[in-house]
Each structure stands twice: as C-alpha cells, then as structure tokens.
C-alpha cells in the first residue's frame, strides 16, 4: 500500500486533512523490517541507475525545523552508493549567490546522469521563508511557482527523475523534539533560538507550504507528503516512494546494461582473437 500521500496535479492541498501520526496500520518492528527490505531493493535500483548512466535522481527534502530531514538522509545513505550520491544543503544565500537569479545555485547542484543528489532544503525556500518573512515583494515571489515548474520540467526532460518529499509533523511534535534536543548531549549542538522564534509563524508556513504543494506538484515532479511524527514510519514511507518511482525506469536501465554487456563481451572476444592470431 502507499504510505505517503501523493499530491495529484491541480489538487488544492489542505495539510490539516493529512495526519502526521499515520502509521499505516503497522507496528514499529514490522515497519522497520519492511523499510529495511525496501532499502535492499533501493540499493539494487540505484546501482542500476548508476551503472546505466541514463538517469539522474534528485531527491528534494522539505519540512519544518525538526521534521527529520537529517534523519531521513542518514536512513537513505545506508542503502545508497556513496560513489554516486551527494547531499546539497541550501542555507542563507551568500553575496555571490544573491548576485544571480535564485535558481542559479540550485541548478549547479543538480545530479548528472548516473548520480543521485539529495537536497536538504531546496529552491522551495524561495517561496517559503522568502514569502513568510517578506524578504522580497509579493510580485517577485509569486512568479516563482511557474519558474520552479519550468525548471523542474527542464531537468525531467534532460533525464532527471525528481522525487519531492514534504516531511509533515505537528506543532506539538516539533515542540517535543526541540525540548528533547536540550536534554540530549549529542544533539545539543543543534540548539538554535531561531527554531523557537519560527514557531510564531507556524500558520504562515502552513499556508506557504499548502500553496507550494498545490501549485508545484506536476506529472514530471509530483510532491509526496510524508507523515513524520513517527520516525520509523517516515523512513518507511520515504523508502517506498523512492522504490516505486525508480521501478518505473528499471527496464530501460536493464536494456542499456544488457547492451553494454553485449558490447563489452564482443570487445573482449575481439581482443582474444587478435591476441591469438598474433601469438600464432
């Protein structure tokens, strides 16, 4: 069954209608086992993606503070090939980045064919935090939904598979996670007063996310809402989305790999015949 909620293009998203507490009817131990099984499938699929060199994979992670972006990345990297995978984090733009259009720094971080890129936050910050805090006028940020859709269509047309994941938690769960950080020595480095300040804008961020999810879920790059109050279920839902998305391409990759194998064997046979003729 699908554990994530796929946002169909043209849907008017209301996050209040999607429960962050969903557990798929599973117990934690069963969910973790299933996530691990799916992770093994993900390993195989990503290896084929890498070897075939036809397709790039872009994973976009968005969510409020403490939603679990770092935890999701740690989970995925257990199953992904470090040779072909990298993480790009988008923080406050540098002066050089601000001197260009807002997608300039993003485009440079997108994956090549055979590569997997995981975006920890992304170009969507320019219709989220920018909108909530009025960092640019409305007539500027309101055009960016169309820019983003065209940008993602360009990536898709160029052979990039785009998986966009919104990690969905409640305000109460966020508060508990922030308090837990204060108690755990190994997480205390994450403490930031700004995380508490941003909670004052909870409703404004909810509206901003709903608009972004509604306007920017397309056939080329659909959004998935991941119920994330339960970390184990978040990992399961994320892994399932990736496996089901990549499975759609595996036959093309395997056809390419079969052709590559045929050519490699032909080259090897030609070499052996040439070597045999020379030695005879």
Protein backbone atom coordinates (compact mmCIF):
# COMPACT_ATOMS: atom_id res chain seq x y z
CA UNK A 1 0.00 0.00 0.00
CA UNK A 2 1.19 3.59 -0.50
CA UNK A 3 2.33 5.00 2.84
CA UNK A 4 2.98 8.51 1.52
CA UNK A 5 0.31 10.85 0.18
CA UNK A 6 0.91 11.73 -3.47
CA UNK A 7 -0.34 15.20 -4.36
CA UNK A 8 -2.10 14.91 -7.68
CA UNK A 9 -1.52 17.85 -10.04
CA UNK A 10 -4.16 20.52 -9.59
CA UNK A 11 -5.05 19.44 -6.05
CA UNK A 12 -5.89 22.14 -3.51
CA UNK A 13 -3.82 20.87 -0.60
CA UNK A 14 -5.00 21.17 2.99
CA UNK A 15 -2.38 19.81 5.35
CA UNK A 16 -4.90 19.56 8.19
CA UNK A 17 -6.54 16.75 6.21
CA UNK A 18 -3.33 14.66 6.19
CA UNK A 19 -2.43 13.11 9.53
CA UNK A 20 1.24 13.33 10.57
CA UNK A 21 0.50 10.48 13.01
CA UNK A 22 -0.26 7.89 10.34
CA UNK A 23 1.39 4.52 10.92
CA UNK A 24 -0.08 2.54 8.02
CA UNK A 25 -1.68 0.14 10.49
CA UNK A 26 1.76 -1.27 11.31
CA UNK A 27 3.67 -1.91 14.49
CA UNK A 28 7.09 -0.27 14.71
CA UNK A 29 9.04 -3.53 14.46
CA UNK A 30 7.14 -4.56 11.32
CA UNK A 31 7.57 -1.11 9.77
CA UNK A 32 11.30 -1.13 10.39
CA UNK A 33 11.64 -4.60 8.89
CA UNK A 34 9.67 -3.57 5.82
CA UNK A 35 11.73 -0.39 5.43
CA UNK A 36 14.91 -2.47 5.54
CA UNK A 37 13.56 -4.86 2.90
CA UNK A 38 12.66 -1.93 0.67
CA UNK A 39 16.09 -0.45 1.35
CA UNK A 40 17.71 -3.54 -0.15
CA UNK A 41 15.59 -3.05 -3.27
CA UNK A 42 16.60 0.62 -3.34
CA UNK A 43 20.25 -0.41 -3.26
CA UNK A 44 19.79 -2.59 -6.35
CA UNK A 45 17.79 0.02 -8.25
CA UNK A 46 20.24 2.82 -7.52
CA UNK A 47 23.16 0.63 -8.57
CA UNK A 48 21.44 0.04 -11.91
CA UNK A 49 20.75 3.77 -12.25
CA UNK A 50 24.45 4.45 -11.67
CA UNK A 51 25.73 1.74 -14.00
CA UNK A 52 23.35 2.54 -16.87
CA UNK A 53 24.24 6.24 -16.78
CA UNK A 54 20.96 7.27 -18.37
CA UNK A 55 19.15 8.94 -15.50
CA UNK A 56 19.91 11.29 -12.63
CA UNK A 57 17.94 11.16 -9.39
CA UNK A 58 17.07 14.33 -7.48
CA UNK A 59 15.54 13.88 -4.02
CA UNK A 60 14.12 17.12 -2.60
CA UNK A 61 13.56 17.17 1.16
CA UNK A 62 11.47 19.92 2.69
CA UNK A 63 9.98 20.24 6.14
CA UNK A 64 9.78 22.43 9.21
CA UNK A 65 12.57 22.53 11.77
CA UNK A 66 12.93 19.08 13.45
CA UNK A 67 10.79 17.40 10.76
CA UNK A 68 13.58 14.89 10.18
CA UNK A 69 15.49 15.90 7.07
CA UNK A 70 18.85 14.89 8.55
CA UNK A 71 17.43 11.64 9.90
CA UNK A 72 15.91 10.82 6.53
CA UNK A 73 19.25 11.42 4.83
CA UNK A 74 21.04 9.14 7.32
CA UNK A 75 18.45 6.45 6.65
CA UNK A 76 18.76 6.66 2.87
CA UNK A 77 22.55 6.71 2.87
CA UNK A 78 22.55 3.26 4.50
CA UNK A 79 21.30 1.91 1.18
CA UNK A 80 22.83 4.23 -1.40
CA UNK A 81 26.13 4.01 -3.23
CA UNK A 82 28.49 6.64 -1.80
CA UNK A 83 30.34 6.67 -5.11
CA UNK A 84 27.41 8.29 -6.89
CA UNK A 85 25.45 10.07 -4.13
CA UNK A 86 25.89 13.51 -2.59
CA UNK A 87 23.95 15.87 -0.34
CA UNK A 88 23.46 19.57 -1.07
CA UNK A 89 22.22 21.84 1.74
CA UNK A 90 20.74 25.22 0.87
CA UNK A 91 21.15 27.78 3.63
CA UNK A 92 21.08 31.58 3.62
CA UNK A 93 22.39 32.70 0.18
CA UNK A 94 25.89 34.12 0.01
CA UNK A 95 26.50 37.56 -1.53
CA UNK A 96 27.70 35.87 -4.71
CA UNK A 97 24.56 33.75 -4.90
CA UNK A 98 22.36 36.80 -4.30
CA UNK A 99 24.01 38.48 -7.27
CA UNK A 100 22.44 35.81 -9.53
CA UNK A 101 18.89 34.58 -10.04
CA UNK A 102 17.64 32.41 -7.19
CA UNK A 103 17.85 29.17 -9.20
CA UNK A 104 21.50 29.71 -10.17
CA UNK A 105 22.97 28.00 -7.13
CA UNK A 106 20.38 25.23 -7.32
CA UNK A 107 20.98 24.29 -10.94
CA UNK A 108 24.68 23.88 -10.25
CA UNK A 109 23.90 21.23 -7.62
CA UNK A 110 21.57 19.05 -9.69
CA UNK A 111 22.69 15.48 -10.48
CA UNK A 112 24.28 14.32 -13.69
CA UNK A 113 23.25 11.07 -15.36
CA UNK A 114 24.00 8.18 -13.05
CA UNK A 115 24.21 10.45 -10.00
CA UNK A 116 21.88 10.89 -7.02
CA UNK A 117 21.57 14.28 -5.32
CA UNK A 118 19.72 14.80 -2.05
CA UNK A 119 18.66 18.38 -1.41
CA UNK A 120 18.42 19.28 2.28
CA UNK A 121 16.03 22.19 1.74
CA UNK A 122 15.95 23.48 -1.79
CA UNK A 123 14.76 26.07 -4.28
CA UNK A 124 11.40 25.92 -2.49
CA UNK A 125 12.82 28.08 0.28
CA UNK A 126 12.30 30.95 -2.18
CA UNK A 127 8.53 30.51 -1.95
CA UNK A 128 8.53 29.56 1.75
CA UNK A 129 10.80 31.55 4.07
CA UNK A 130 11.03 34.33 1.48
CA UNK A 131 7.25 34.56 1.39
CA UNK A 132 6.67 34.23 5.14
CA UNK A 133 9.24 36.88 6.06
CA UNK A 134 8.60 39.25 3.15
CA UNK A 135 12.21 39.07 2.01
CA UNK A 136 11.17 40.12 -1.48
CA UNK A 137 7.92 41.74 -2.70
CA UNK A 138 4.92 39.56 -3.48
CA UNK A 139 5.06 40.43 -7.19
CA UNK A 140 8.53 38.83 -7.20
CA UNK A 141 7.97 35.60 -5.24
CA UNK A 142 4.52 34.98 -6.72
CA UNK A 143 6.11 34.37 -10.15
CA UNK A 144 8.44 31.74 -8.78
CA UNK A 145 5.94 28.87 -8.78
CA UNK A 146 5.91 28.98 -12.58
CA UNK A 147 9.71 29.36 -12.65
CA UNK A 148 10.07 26.28 -10.47
CA UNK A 149 7.70 24.19 -12.56
CA UNK A 150 9.58 25.09 -15.74
CA UNK A 151 12.93 24.46 -14.07
CA UNK A 152 11.85 21.01 -12.94
CA UNK A 153 10.39 20.24 -16.35
CA UNK A 154 13.75 21.13 -17.89
CA UNK A 155 15.51 18.74 -15.50
CA UNK A 156 12.99 16.00 -16.23
CA UNK A 157 13.31 16.45 -19.99
CA UNK A 158 17.08 16.16 -19.58
CA UNK A 159 16.76 12.78 -17.88
CA UNK A 160 16.45 13.60 -14.18
CA UNK A 161 13.95 11.73 -12.02
CA UNK A 162 12.64 14.14 -9.37
CA UNK A 163 11.22 12.93 -6.05
CA UNK A 164 9.92 15.71 -3.77
CA UNK A 165 9.18 14.83 -0.15
CA UNK A 166 7.50 17.08 2.42
CA UNK A 167 8.08 15.75 5.94
CA UNK A 168 4.84 16.50 7.79
CA UNK A 169 4.81 16.89 11.60
CA UNK A 170 2.52 18.55 14.13
CA UNK A 171 3.34 21.66 16.12
CA UNK A 172 3.21 19.59 19.31
CA UNK A 173 5.69 17.05 17.95
CA UNK A 174 8.05 19.82 16.93
CA UNK A 175 7.94 21.31 20.42
CA UNK A 176 8.75 17.94 21.98
CA UNK A 177 11.68 17.40 19.63
CA UNK A 178 13.08 20.85 20.39
CA UNK A 179 12.84 20.13 24.11
CA UNK A 180 14.48 16.75 23.62
CA UNK A 181 17.45 18.42 21.97
CA UNK A 182 18.10 20.34 25.16
CA UNK A 183 18.25 17.10 27.15
CA UNK A 184 20.48 15.09 24.82
CA UNK A 185 24.15 15.97 24.86
CA UNK A 186 24.74 14.51 21.40
CA UNK A 187 22.04 16.75 19.92
CA UNK A 188 22.68 19.94 21.88
CA UNK A 189 24.81 21.34 19.09
CA UNK A 190 21.60 21.71 17.07
CA UNK A 191 20.09 24.16 19.55
CA UNK A 192 19.11 27.41 17.90
CA UNK A 193 16.83 30.09 19.40
CA UNK A 194 15.60 30.85 15.89
CA UNK A 195 13.87 27.45 15.80
CA UNK A 196 11.63 28.63 18.65
CA UNK A 197 11.12 32.05 17.07
CA UNK A 198 9.96 30.49 13.81
CA UNK A 199 7.15 28.68 15.63
CA UNK A 200 5.36 32.03 15.82
CA UNK A 201 4.96 31.75 12.04
CA UNK A 202 3.52 28.23 12.07
CA UNK A 203 0.26 29.16 10.37
CA UNK A 204 2.01 31.33 7.78
CA UNK A 205 4.35 28.46 6.92
CA UNK A 206 1.40 26.08 6.70
CA UNK A 207 -0.23 28.36 4.13
CA UNK A 208 3.04 28.76 2.23
CA UNK A 209 3.57 25.00 2.08
CA UNK A 210 0.00 24.36 1.00
CA UNK A 211 0.33 26.80 -1.89
CA UNK A 212 3.70 25.36 -2.96
CA UNK A 213 2.41 21.79 -2.80
CA UNK A 214 -0.72 22.76 -4.74
CA UNK A 215 0.98 24.81 -7.45
CA UNK A 216 4.14 22.75 -7.91
CA UNK A 217 3.03 19.12 -7.89
CA UNK A 218 3.26 18.08 -11.53
CA UNK A 219 3.38 14.85 -13.51
CA UNK A 220 7.11 15.40 -14.06
CA UNK A 221 7.80 16.20 -10.41
CA UNK A 222 4.98 15.27 -8.02
CA UNK A 223 5.04 16.15 -4.34
CA UNK A 224 4.63 13.49 -1.66
CA UNK A 225 3.53 14.32 1.88
CA UNK A 226 5.28 12.03 4.36
CA UNK A 227 3.58 11.56 7.76
CA UNK A 228 6.60 12.11 10.01
CA UNK A 229 5.56 12.18 13.66
CA UNK A 230 6.79 8.58 13.82
CA UNK A 231 10.37 8.48 12.58
CA UNK A 232 10.26 4.80 11.66
CA UNK A 233 7.14 5.35 9.56
CA UNK A 234 8.73 8.39 7.90
CA UNK A 235 11.67 6.23 6.84
CA UNK A 236 9.35 3.53 5.54
CA UNK A 237 7.21 5.95 3.51
CA UNK A 238 10.24 7.72 2.01
CA UNK A 239 11.89 4.45 1.01
CA UNK A 240 8.69 3.14 -0.55
CA UNK A 241 8.23 6.29 -2.65
CA UNK A 242 11.78 6.02 -3.99
CA UNK A 243 11.50 2.32 -4.78
CA UNK A 244 8.16 2.68 -6.56
CA UNK A 245 9.44 5.68 -8.54
CA UNK A 246 12.69 4.03 -9.63
CA UNK A 247 10.99 0.76 -10.55
CA UNK A 248 9.30 2.59 -13.41
CA UNK A 249 12.70 3.01 -15.06
CA UNK A 250 14.41 -0.31 -14.31
CA UNK A 251 13.52 -1.98 -17.62
CA UNK A 252 15.16 0.84 -19.57
CA UNK A 253 18.27 0.61 -17.38
CA UNK A 254 18.44 -3.16 -17.75
CA UNK A 255 18.10 -2.92 -21.52
CA UNK A 256 21.01 -0.46 -21.56
CA UNK A 257 23.08 -2.66 -19.24
CA UNK A 258 22.38 -5.72 -21.40
CA UNK A 259 23.59 -3.83 -24.47
CA UNK A 260 26.65 -2.60 -22.59
CA UNK A 261 27.39 -6.21 -21.57
CA UNK A 262 26.99 -7.42 -25.16
CA UNK A 263 29.40 -4.80 -26.45
CA UNK A 264 31.90 -5.47 -23.68
CA UNK A 265 31.87 -9.20 -24.41
CA UNK A 266 32.30 -8.52 -28.12
CA UNK A 267 35.29 -6.30 -27.42
CA UNK A 268 36.81 -8.95 -25.15
CA UNK A 269 36.30 -11.67 -27.76
CA UNK A 270 37.86 -9.49 -30.45
CA UNK A 271 40.85 -8.86 -28.18
CA UNK A 272 41.32 -12.58 -27.54
CA UNK A 273 41.11 -13.39 -31.24
CA UNK A 274 43.62 -10.65 -32.06
CA UNK A 275 45.96 -11.87 -29.34
CA UNK A 276 45.63 -15.47 -30.54
CA UNK A 277 46.37 -14.52 -34.13
CA UNK A 278 49.44 -12.54 -33.06
CA UNK A 279 50.82 -15.40 -30.96
CA UNK A 280 50.19 -17.95 -33.73
